[in-house]
Amino acid sequence: MALKQPETASLVNLSIRVPASANDSLADAAAAVVERADAVESVERLQITDVTPRSNAVVVAAEAALVIDADLDPPTAALDAVVGVTVTAE
C-alpha cells in the first residue's frame, strides 16, 4: 500500500493559457489546465482577475488556492512544467 504524500495549501497568482476550444466555463477550463501538474491535488478556488484574448487561446490572470504535494520546494515548482501556466507571484 503506497503512502499518500503530505499536502500543503498555497495561494498563488498565475497566468494561464486556456485553449479557445475549451467547452467549460473560463474558470473551469483554467483550473483544468492547472490540474495537469502532477503535484497539484486540487484547485480549491480560482478567481480570474484579468482576461486577454488571443487568436487561438485566452490568457487569464488568476489568483488560485491550490492543494499541492508538500515535498516540493517551492511548493509551486511543479507548475513550471505545465505548458501554458506561469507563476506570477506566490
C-alpha atoms as a PDB file:
ATOM      1  CA  MET A   1       0.000   0.000   0.000  1.00  0.00           C
ATOM      2  CA  ALA A   2       1.504   3.316  -1.081  1.00  0.00           C
ATOM      3  CA  LEU A   3       1.538   6.146   1.397  1.00  0.00           C
ATOM      4  CA  LYS A   4      -0.135   9.372   0.353  1.00  0.00           C
ATOM      5  CA  GLN A   5       2.227  12.337   0.157  1.00  0.00           C
ATOM      6  CA  PRO A   6       1.585  15.207   2.599  1.00  0.00           C
ATOM      7  CA  GLU A   7      -0.134  18.203   1.064  1.00  0.00           C
ATOM      8  CA  THR A   8       0.033  21.927   1.578  1.00  0.00           C
ATOM      9  CA  ALA A   9      -2.279  24.765   0.600  1.00  0.00           C
ATOM     10  CA  SER A  10      -0.744  27.504  -1.499  1.00  0.00           C
ATOM     11  CA  LEU A  11      -2.210  30.786  -2.666  1.00  0.00           C
ATOM     12  CA  VAL A  12      -0.565  31.857  -5.938  1.00  0.00           C
ATOM     13  CA  ASN A  13      -1.067  34.299  -8.776  1.00  0.00           C
ATOM     14  CA  LEU A  14      -0.932  32.637 -12.167  1.00  0.00           C
ATOM     15  CA  SER A  15      -1.043  33.406 -15.843  1.00  0.00           C
ATOM     16  CA  ILE A  16      -2.948  30.590 -17.557  1.00  0.00           C
ATOM     17  CA  ARG A  17      -3.332  29.998 -21.295  1.00  0.00           C
ATOM     18  CA  VAL A  18      -6.764  28.463 -21.916  1.00  0.00           C
ATOM     19  CA  PRO A  19      -7.439  26.974 -25.367  1.00  0.00           C
ATOM     20  CA  ALA A  20     -10.165  28.806 -27.299  1.00  0.00           C
ATOM     21  CA  SER A  21     -11.783  25.421 -27.955  1.00  0.00           C
ATOM     22  CA  ALA A  22     -12.470  24.779 -24.251  1.00  0.00           C
ATOM     23  CA  ASN A  23     -16.086  23.758 -23.673  1.00  0.00           C
ATOM     24  CA  ASP A  24     -16.217  24.568 -19.948  1.00  0.00           C
ATOM     25  CA  SER A  25     -16.553  27.959 -18.315  1.00  0.00           C
ATOM     26  CA  LEU A  26     -13.366  30.007 -18.463  1.00  0.00           C
ATOM     27  CA  ALA A  27     -12.678  29.422 -14.765  1.00  0.00           C
ATOM     28  CA  ASP A  28     -13.257  25.648 -15.034  1.00  0.00           C
ATOM     29  CA  ALA A  29     -11.071  25.413 -18.139  1.00  0.00           C
ATOM     30  CA  ALA A  30      -8.294  27.396 -16.418  1.00  0.00           C
ATOM     31  CA  ALA A  31      -8.498  25.128 -13.354  1.00  0.00           C
ATOM     32  CA  ALA A  32      -8.241  22.061 -15.619  1.00  0.00           C
ATOM     33  CA  VAL A  33      -5.038  23.449 -17.155  1.00  0.00           C
ATOM     34  CA  VAL A  34      -3.521  23.982 -13.689  1.00  0.00           C
ATOM     35  CA  GLU A  35      -4.559  20.488 -12.556  1.00  0.00           C
ATOM     36  CA  ARG A  36      -2.351  18.997 -15.303  1.00  0.00           C
ATOM     37  CA  ALA A  37       0.581  19.401 -12.890  1.00  0.00           C
ATOM     38  CA  ASP A  38       1.234  16.027 -11.264  1.00  0.00           C
ATOM     39  CA  ALA A  39       1.813  17.617  -7.868  1.00  0.00           C
ATOM     40  CA  VAL A  40      -1.458  19.581  -7.835  1.00  0.00           C
ATOM     41  CA  GLU A  41      -4.003  17.584  -5.881  1.00  0.00           C
ATOM     42  CA  SER A  42      -6.806  20.089  -6.456  1.00  0.00           C
ATOM     43  CA  VAL A  43      -7.693  23.676  -7.263  1.00  0.00           C
ATOM     44  CA  GLU A  44      -9.745  24.793  -4.277  1.00  0.00           C
ATOM     45  CA  ARG A  45     -10.547  28.253  -5.630  1.00  0.00           C
ATOM     46  CA  LEU A  46      -9.675  30.147  -8.787  1.00  0.00           C
ATOM     47  CA  GLN A  47     -10.565  33.810  -9.183  1.00  0.00           C
ATOM     48  CA  ILE A  48      -9.937  35.350 -12.592  1.00  0.00           C
ATOM     49  CA  THR A  49      -8.558  38.880 -12.308  1.00  0.00           C
ATOM     50  CA  ASP A  50      -7.847  39.678 -15.982  1.00  0.00           C
ATOM     51  CA  VAL A  51      -8.636  38.247 -19.426  1.00  0.00           C
ATOM     52  CA  THR A  52      -6.573  38.745 -22.595  1.00  0.00           C
ATOM     53  CA  PRO A  53      -7.992  37.236 -25.799  1.00  0.00           C
ATOM     54  CA  ARG A  54      -5.522  35.776 -28.322  1.00  0.00           C
ATOM     55  CA  SER A  55      -6.131  34.257 -31.761  1.00  0.00           C
ATOM     56  CA  ASN A  56      -6.346  30.637 -30.567  1.00  0.00           C
ATOM     57  CA  ALA A  57      -6.465  30.967 -26.788  1.00  0.00           C
ATOM     58  CA  VAL A  58      -7.453  33.182 -23.900  1.00  0.00           C
ATOM     59  CA  VAL A  59      -4.810  34.155 -21.364  1.00  0.00           C
ATOM     60  CA  VAL A  60      -6.211  34.710 -17.894  1.00  0.00           C
ATOM     61  CA  ALA A  61      -4.565  36.177 -14.835  1.00  0.00           C
ATOM     62  CA  ALA A  62      -5.899  34.429 -11.759  1.00  0.00           C
ATOM     63  CA  GLU A  63      -5.453  34.031  -8.041  1.00  0.00           C
ATOM     64  CA  ALA A  64      -5.648  30.352  -7.146  1.00  0.00           C
ATOM     65  CA  ALA A  65      -5.796  28.392  -3.921  1.00  0.00           C
ATOM     66  CA  LEU A  66      -4.128  25.055  -4.645  1.00  0.00           C
ATOM     67  CA  VAL A  67      -3.555  21.856  -2.693  1.00  0.00           C
ATOM     68  CA  ILE A  68      -0.036  20.747  -3.666  1.00  0.00           C
ATOM     69  CA  ASP A  69       2.314  17.941  -2.597  1.00  0.00           C
ATOM     70  CA  ALA A  70       4.284  19.326   0.347  1.00  0.00           C
ATOM     71  CA  ASP A  71       7.585  17.697  -0.669  1.00  0.00           C
ATOM     72  CA  LEU A  72       8.223  20.297  -3.369  1.00  0.00           C
ATOM     73  CA  ASP A  73      10.445  23.278  -2.675  1.00  0.00           C
ATOM     74  CA  PRO A  74       8.979  25.735  -3.501  1.00  0.00           C
ATOM     75  CA  PRO A  75       5.535  24.116  -3.499  1.00  0.00           C
ATOM     76  CA  THR A  76       4.680  25.698  -6.842  1.00  0.00           C
ATOM     77  CA  ALA A  77       7.726  24.192  -8.626  1.00  0.00           C
ATOM     78  CA  ALA A  78       5.576  21.603 -10.419  1.00  0.00           C
ATOM     79  CA  LEU A  79       3.576  24.339 -12.128  1.00  0.00           C
ATOM     80  CA  ASP A  80       6.639  25.332 -14.170  1.00  0.00           C
ATOM     81  CA  ALA A  81       6.361  22.042 -16.070  1.00  0.00           C
ATOM     82  CA  VAL A  82       2.799  22.721 -17.243  1.00  0.00           C
ATOM     83  CA  VAL A  83       2.604  24.282 -20.697  1.00  0.00           C
ATOM     84  CA  GLY A  84       0.506  27.431 -20.527  1.00  0.00           C
ATOM     85  CA  VAL A  85       0.945  28.105 -16.789  1.00  0.00           C
ATOM     86  CA  THR A  86       3.263  30.742 -15.339  1.00  0.00           C
ATOM     87  CA  VAL A  87       3.534  31.577 -11.649  1.00  0.00           C
ATOM     88  CA  THR A  88       3.494  35.366 -11.403  1.00  0.00           C
ATOM     89  CA  ALA A  89       3.575  35.640  -7.587  1.00  0.00           C
ATOM     90  CA  GLU A  90       3.467  33.335  -4.570  1.00  0.00           C
END
